[in-house]
Amino acid sequence: MPSQRYIDLREDNLPDLHNNVLLKACQEDPDLLSELLYENKEFLFSIIAHYKGSIESLKNKFNVDEEELLQHAYIAVITAIRDFDFNKGIKFTTYIYRPIIWEVNQLLYNDSRLVRLSRSAVDLLKQMEKVENELGYFPKAEELAKLLDVTVERIENVLRFASELTSLNSLESFEPEDYSIGYESKVMDKIYVENLLKNSDLSEFETQVINLIMDGNNNSQIAKKLNVYPMTVNRALNRIKNKLDNNFESKRLSKYESEIGLIAEEMIELNCIMNIEQLKDLLDVCGYNISKYSSRVLYYIRQQAISRLDQNLSECNDCSQ
């Protein structure tokens, strides 16, 4: 049973870790902080489960128990509350994820399995970043594998491990009772959503749901406001996700769109597939600064142009320009 002071500092319909008055008091009062940890252990477990898998699977895979996981999560919260600056305008619930996952990783991968990426994985991540900068967006794993001459599995494994420590910064509104939804973390950026909503063919109900998401509501709150079951909201969110993803893929343009279009038209005119040197010659003749294109970018432009051809063509080895 929490103390009377803890009860007094609580607010109705406001989770403890969203309550800045309570959190500030915990910075000064160790007893209150202990109560905060105890009262919110399910929230901490939900964060761990969201990013690391179910608690049962972690116990079996890493030979740890719930108490060990909880103690490391407690360490993260204690440190986070001590260092948190309430004047910076960010939510504590946004700030807390990284230290929790970091501490849990220290438990799961201790001694010879410390959380770290191998040198080759770090090098691969740097190559991925370079590709992203050159192309103007982050390609899918299949495309990255071709560009970097590694397997798709290698790309996915490195991204999966690294993302645990790098993708948490983008989260804005994870609610513990709704952690399984997983959708807000992808579409909470309002500019992204508003641009995609224009031509996504959403129903009136789906539009209401996404507008409530953008206003900061979780799915339980949305269900209550729209007088429907939470499962109805979940299904609507899945439909919205699919529609937005399809709309994004159909409208995404490469920063090299003009070059790709030019090359594709030339290949159609020549009735054959141009090689890299022929691409460079054409771009040079058409006024493009070919010194800015790396071999990887030229390969990408060529592949994108080929993908737009309606027919199977042979190489231009025997064709003249």
Protein backbone atom coordinates (compact mmCIF):
# COMPACT_ATOMS: atom_id res chain seq x y z
CA MET A 1 0.00 0.00 0.00
CA PRO A 2 1.57 3.35 -1.03
CA SER A 3 2.08 6.06 1.55
CA GLN A 4 -0.39 8.90 1.98
CA ARG A 5 2.07 11.37 0.49
CA TYR A 6 2.48 9.18 -2.58
CA ILE A 7 -1.29 8.93 -2.94
CA ASP A 8 -1.64 12.70 -2.59
CA LEU A 9 0.90 13.31 -5.35
CA ARG A 10 -0.85 10.99 -7.76
CA GLU A 11 -3.27 12.39 -10.32
CA ASP A 12 -6.38 10.69 -11.64
CA ASN A 13 -6.05 9.26 -15.17
CA LEU A 14 -2.36 10.17 -15.29
CA PRO A 15 0.24 7.36 -15.14
CA ASP A 16 2.87 7.86 -12.45
CA LEU A 17 5.73 8.15 -14.93
CA HIS A 18 3.90 10.95 -16.75
CA ASN A 19 3.37 12.86 -13.49
CA ASN A 20 6.16 15.44 -13.30
CA VAL A 21 5.10 16.62 -9.84
CA LEU A 22 5.52 13.11 -8.48
CA LEU A 23 8.76 12.56 -10.40
CA LYS A 24 10.28 15.81 -9.10
CA ALA A 25 9.37 14.80 -5.56
CA CYS A 26 11.12 11.48 -6.12
CA GLN A 27 14.32 13.34 -6.98
CA GLU A 28 14.37 14.67 -3.42
CA ASP A 29 12.82 11.78 -1.48
CA PRO A 30 14.37 8.27 -1.70
CA ASP A 31 11.34 6.73 0.02
CA LEU A 32 9.01 8.12 -2.61
CA LEU A 33 11.36 6.86 -5.31
CA SER A 34 11.23 3.37 -3.83
CA GLU A 35 7.45 3.49 -3.92
CA LEU A 36 7.51 4.71 -7.50
CA LEU A 37 9.62 1.73 -8.54
CA TYR A 38 7.43 -0.77 -6.74
CA GLU A 39 4.15 0.71 -8.01
CA ASN A 40 5.35 0.74 -11.63
CA LYS A 41 7.17 -2.54 -11.99
CA GLU A 42 4.60 -3.75 -14.56
CA PHE A 43 5.37 -0.70 -16.67
CA LEU A 44 9.07 -1.57 -16.52
CA PHE A 45 8.38 -5.17 -17.50
CA SER A 46 6.27 -3.92 -20.43
CA ILE A 47 9.19 -1.85 -21.75
CA ILE A 48 11.55 -4.80 -21.49
CA ALA A 49 9.06 -7.09 -23.20
CA HIS A 50 8.40 -4.56 -25.96
CA TYR A 51 12.06 -4.32 -26.97
CA LYS A 52 13.60 -7.60 -25.84
CA GLY A 53 10.79 -10.14 -26.13
CA SER A 54 8.58 -11.77 -23.52
CA ILE A 55 9.88 -12.03 -19.98
CA GLU A 56 9.49 -15.82 -20.09
CA SER A 57 11.59 -16.09 -23.25
CA LEU A 58 14.33 -13.93 -21.72
CA LYS A 59 14.36 -16.07 -18.58
CA ASN A 60 14.75 -19.24 -20.62
CA LYS A 61 17.20 -17.92 -23.17
CA PHE A 62 19.56 -16.06 -20.83
CA ASN A 63 19.04 -17.98 -17.58
CA VAL A 64 17.93 -14.91 -15.64
CA ASP A 65 14.94 -14.39 -13.36
CA GLU A 66 12.36 -11.64 -13.13
CA GLU A 67 14.00 -10.11 -10.07
CA GLU A 68 17.30 -9.67 -11.91
CA LEU A 69 15.57 -7.98 -14.84
CA LEU A 70 13.61 -5.77 -12.48
CA GLN A 71 16.68 -4.75 -10.46
CA HIS A 72 18.49 -3.61 -13.60
CA ALA A 73 15.42 -1.68 -14.70
CA TYR A 74 15.31 -0.07 -11.25
CA ILE A 75 18.93 1.01 -11.61
CA ALA A 76 18.06 2.67 -14.91
CA VAL A 77 15.08 4.54 -13.45
CA ILE A 78 17.01 5.72 -10.40
CA THR A 79 19.81 7.07 -12.59
CA ALA A 80 17.38 8.59 -15.08
CA ILE A 81 15.36 10.43 -12.42
CA ARG A 82 18.54 11.74 -10.85
CA ASP A 83 19.80 13.14 -14.17
CA PHE A 84 16.51 14.14 -15.81
CA ASP A 85 16.04 17.84 -16.66
CA PHE A 86 12.34 18.73 -16.49
CA ASN A 87 13.01 22.07 -18.20
CA LYS A 88 13.96 20.58 -21.56
CA GLY A 89 10.38 19.88 -22.57
CA ILE A 90 10.66 16.15 -23.23
CA LYS A 91 8.61 13.46 -21.51
CA PHE A 92 10.28 11.32 -18.89
CA THR A 93 8.62 8.29 -20.51
CA THR A 94 10.46 9.13 -23.73
CA TYR A 95 13.76 9.59 -21.91
CA ILE A 96 13.61 6.40 -19.85
CA TYR A 97 13.67 3.74 -22.58
CA ARG A 98 17.33 3.94 -23.54
CA PRO A 99 18.75 3.56 -19.99
CA ILE A 100 16.38 0.67 -19.23
CA ILE A 101 17.33 -1.27 -22.35
CA TRP A 102 20.99 -0.45 -21.79
CA GLU A 103 20.94 -1.82 -18.25
CA VAL A 104 19.01 -4.93 -19.27
CA ASN A 105 21.49 -5.56 -22.08
CA GLN A 106 24.30 -5.35 -19.54
CA LEU A 107 22.61 -8.15 -17.63
CA LEU A 108 21.87 -10.30 -20.67
CA TYR A 109 25.24 -9.88 -22.38
CA ASN A 110 27.66 -9.56 -19.48
CA ASP A 111 31.26 -10.78 -19.26
CA SER A 112 32.34 -12.13 -22.66
CA ARG A 113 28.96 -11.19 -24.19
CA LEU A 114 29.05 -7.47 -23.46
CA VAL A 115 26.71 -5.42 -25.60
CA ARG A 116 28.86 -4.29 -28.45
CA LEU A 117 28.96 -4.61 -32.18
CA SER A 118 31.91 -6.32 -33.82
CA ARG A 119 34.32 -4.22 -35.86
CA SER A 120 32.93 -5.70 -39.07
CA ALA A 121 29.38 -4.85 -38.01
CA VAL A 122 30.37 -1.28 -37.17
CA ASP A 123 32.04 -0.97 -40.57
CA LEU A 124 28.90 -2.31 -42.21
CA LEU A 125 26.74 0.22 -40.35
CA LYS A 126 29.00 3.01 -41.56
CA GLN A 127 28.63 1.75 -45.12
CA MET A 128 24.85 1.71 -44.70
CA GLU A 129 24.92 5.29 -43.45
CA LYS A 130 27.01 6.31 -46.45
CA VAL A 131 24.53 4.64 -48.81
CA GLU A 132 21.66 6.46 -47.10
CA ASN A 133 23.43 9.80 -47.51
CA GLU A 134 24.17 9.13 -51.17
CA LEU A 135 20.69 7.90 -52.10
CA GLY A 136 18.70 10.30 -49.96
CA TYR A 137 16.78 7.60 -48.08
CA PHE A 138 17.45 4.34 -46.27
CA PRO A 139 16.99 1.38 -48.67
CA LYS A 140 15.34 -1.90 -47.78
CA ALA A 141 17.52 -4.80 -46.64
CA GLU A 142 17.39 -6.50 -50.04
CA GLU A 143 18.61 -3.40 -51.84
CA LEU A 144 21.32 -2.77 -49.25
CA ALA A 145 22.55 -6.33 -49.61
CA LYS A 146 23.00 -5.88 -53.36
CA LEU A 147 24.71 -2.52 -53.02
CA LEU A 148 27.10 -3.68 -50.29
CA ASP A 149 27.61 -7.22 -51.61
CA VAL A 150 26.57 -8.97 -48.41
CA THR A 151 23.69 -11.28 -47.57
CA VAL A 152 20.26 -9.98 -46.65
CA GLU A 153 20.50 -11.97 -43.42
CA ARG A 154 23.72 -10.15 -42.49
CA ILE A 155 22.07 -6.76 -43.09
CA GLU A 156 19.00 -7.70 -41.03
CA ASN A 157 21.03 -9.10 -38.14
CA VAL A 158 23.22 -6.02 -37.83
CA LEU A 159 20.25 -3.68 -38.09
CA ARG A 160 18.22 -5.68 -35.58
CA PHE A 161 20.97 -5.62 -32.96
CA ALA A 162 22.04 -2.03 -33.51
CA SER A 163 18.49 -0.67 -33.54
CA GLU A 164 18.00 -1.58 -29.89
CA LEU A 165 20.50 1.12 -28.96
CA THR A 166 19.82 3.64 -31.73
CA SER A 167 16.13 3.68 -32.60
CA LEU A 168 14.80 4.52 -29.15
CA ASN A 169 15.35 8.24 -29.61
CA SER A 170 12.48 8.45 -32.09
CA LEU A 171 9.79 7.35 -29.63
CA GLU A 172 7.38 9.98 -28.41
CA SER A 173 4.38 8.34 -26.74
CA PHE A 174 4.68 4.73 -25.67
CA GLU A 175 1.94 3.85 -23.17
CA PRO A 176 2.51 0.74 -21.02
CA GLU A 177 -0.99 -0.64 -21.36
CA ASP A 178 -0.72 -0.41 -25.15
CA TYR A 179 2.86 -1.47 -25.78
CA SER A 180 1.82 -4.26 -28.13
CA ILE A 181 0.33 -1.81 -30.60
CA GLY A 182 3.76 -0.87 -31.99
CA TYR A 183 2.26 1.53 -34.49
CA GLU A 184 2.62 4.93 -32.84
CA SER A 185 6.40 4.64 -32.85
CA LYS A 186 6.29 4.49 -36.65
CA VAL A 187 3.75 7.20 -37.50
CA MET A 188 3.75 9.70 -34.66
CA ASP A 189 5.74 12.21 -36.66
CA LYS A 190 2.94 14.59 -37.62
CA ILE A 191 4.55 15.91 -40.78
CA TYR A 192 5.03 12.37 -42.04
CA VAL A 193 1.44 11.46 -41.26
CA GLU A 194 -0.15 14.61 -42.63
CA ASN A 195 1.68 14.29 -45.94
CA LEU A 196 0.66 10.66 -46.37
CA LEU A 197 -2.95 11.12 -45.24
CA LYS A 198 -3.85 13.31 -48.20
CA ASN A 199 -4.20 10.45 -50.68
CA SER A 200 -4.37 7.35 -48.52
CA ASP A 201 -8.06 6.57 -49.04
CA LEU A 202 -8.85 6.38 -45.32
CA SER A 203 -12.43 5.83 -44.18
CA GLU A 204 -14.12 8.37 -41.94
CA PHE A 205 -13.53 6.14 -38.91
CA GLU A 206 -9.86 5.59 -39.79
CA THR A 207 -9.40 9.34 -40.18
CA GLN A 208 -10.88 9.88 -36.72
CA VAL A 209 -8.52 7.29 -35.27
CA ILE A 210 -5.39 8.74 -36.85
CA ASN A 211 -6.33 12.27 -35.81
CA LEU A 212 -6.70 11.09 -32.21
CA ILE A 213 -3.33 9.31 -32.45
CA MET A 214 -1.76 12.57 -33.64
CA ASP A 215 -3.32 14.35 -30.66
CA GLY A 216 -1.45 12.01 -28.32
CA ASN A 217 -4.15 9.47 -27.43
CA ASN A 218 -3.37 5.79 -26.99
CA ASN A 219 -5.68 3.09 -28.31
CA SER A 220 -7.57 2.65 -25.03
CA GLN A 221 -8.34 6.36 -24.93
CA ILE A 222 -9.37 6.34 -28.59
CA ALA A 223 -11.73 3.41 -28.01
CA LYS A 224 -13.38 5.25 -25.14
CA LYS A 225 -13.77 8.48 -27.11
CA LEU A 226 -15.21 6.72 -30.17
CA ASN A 227 -17.32 4.33 -28.08
CA VAL A 228 -15.86 1.19 -29.64
CA TYR A 229 -13.88 -1.81 -28.39
CA PRO A 230 -10.07 -1.42 -28.18
CA MET A 231 -9.74 -4.34 -30.61
CA THR A 232 -11.71 -2.31 -33.17
CA VAL A 233 -9.14 0.47 -32.82
CA ASN A 234 -6.29 -2.04 -33.20
CA ARG A 235 -7.75 -3.38 -36.41
CA ALA A 236 -8.25 0.16 -37.74
CA LEU A 237 -4.63 0.99 -36.94
CA ASN A 238 -3.44 -2.07 -38.84
CA ARG A 239 -5.50 -0.99 -41.87
CA ILE A 240 -4.14 2.56 -41.61
CA LYS A 241 -0.58 1.26 -41.38
CA ASN A 242 -1.01 -0.80 -44.54
CA LYS A 243 -2.58 2.09 -46.43
CA LEU A 244 0.10 4.56 -45.33
CA ASP A 245 2.89 2.12 -46.13
CA ASN A 246 1.47 1.48 -49.60
CA ASN A 247 1.01 5.20 -50.20
CA PHE A 248 4.54 5.94 -49.05
CA GLU A 249 6.08 3.28 -51.27
CA SER A 250 4.11 4.45 -54.30
CA LYS A 251 5.08 8.09 -53.83
CA ARG A 252 8.67 7.80 -52.62
CA LEU A 253 11.00 9.45 -55.10
CA SER A 254 14.74 9.05 -55.24
CA LYS A 255 16.95 12.13 -55.11
CA TYR A 256 18.24 10.83 -58.48
CA GLU A 257 14.79 10.69 -60.07
CA SER A 258 15.72 12.82 -63.08
CA GLU A 259 18.84 10.74 -63.80
CA ILE A 260 16.90 7.48 -63.47
CA GLY A 261 14.20 8.73 -65.85
CA LEU A 262 16.80 9.88 -68.38
CA ILE A 263 18.67 6.55 -68.32
CA ALA A 264 15.46 4.52 -68.56
CA GLU A 265 14.33 6.51 -71.62
CA GLU A 266 17.73 6.05 -73.27
CA MET A 267 17.67 2.31 -72.67
CA ILE A 268 14.24 2.11 -74.27
CA GLU A 269 15.49 4.14 -77.23
CA LEU A 270 18.60 1.94 -77.62
CA ASN A 271 16.60 -1.23 -76.92
CA CYS A 272 19.35 -2.52 -74.66
CA ILE A 273 20.71 -2.15 -71.13
CA MET A 274 23.51 0.39 -70.80
CA ASN A 275 26.65 -0.33 -68.80
CA ILE A 276 28.13 2.01 -66.20
CA GLU A 277 30.52 3.73 -68.59
CA GLN A 278 27.69 4.41 -71.02
CA LEU A 279 25.65 5.86 -68.15
CA LYS A 280 28.48 8.22 -67.26
CA ASP A 281 28.88 9.34 -70.87
CA LEU A 282 25.18 10.06 -71.23
CA LEU A 283 24.96 11.98 -67.95
CA ASP A 284 28.06 13.98 -68.90
CA VAL A 285 26.63 14.87 -72.31
CA CYS A 286 23.34 15.93 -70.69
CA GLY A 287 25.08 18.37 -68.38
CA TYR A 288 25.26 16.39 -65.15
CA ASN A 289 28.37 16.66 -62.97
CA ILE A 290 29.44 13.03 -63.08
CA SER A 291 32.18 13.58 -60.48
CA LYS A 292 29.50 13.65 -57.78
CA TYR A 293 28.36 10.09 -58.54
CA SER A 294 30.13 7.25 -56.80
CA SER A 295 30.22 3.81 -58.43
CA ARG A 296 27.57 2.70 -55.98
CA VAL A 297 25.23 5.55 -56.93
CA LEU A 298 25.71 4.84 -60.63
CA TYR A 299 24.91 1.19 -60.01
CA TYR A 300 21.79 2.25 -58.10
CA ILE A 301 20.66 4.58 -60.91
CA ARG A 302 21.19 1.79 -63.45
CA GLN A 303 19.24 -0.76 -61.41
CA GLN A 304 16.36 1.65 -60.84
CA ALA A 305 16.23 2.47 -64.55
CA ILE A 306 16.21 -1.24 -65.45
CA SER A 307 13.34 -1.85 -63.03
CA ARG A 308 11.21 0.60 -65.03
CA LEU A 309 11.61 -1.21 -68.32
CA ASP A 310 8.56 -3.11 -69.54
CA GLN A 311 10.58 -5.65 -71.49
CA ASN A 312 13.63 -7.84 -71.03
CA LEU A 313 16.59 -6.32 -72.84
CA SER A 314 20.12 -7.53 -73.41
CA GLU A 315 23.28 -5.64 -72.52
CA CYS A 316 24.37 -2.83 -74.84
CA ASN A 317 27.83 -4.33 -75.42
CA ASP A 318 27.24 -4.54 -79.14
CA CYS A 319 25.17 -1.39 -79.37
CA SER A 320 26.58 2.01 -80.11
CA GLN A 321 25.29 5.25 -78.74
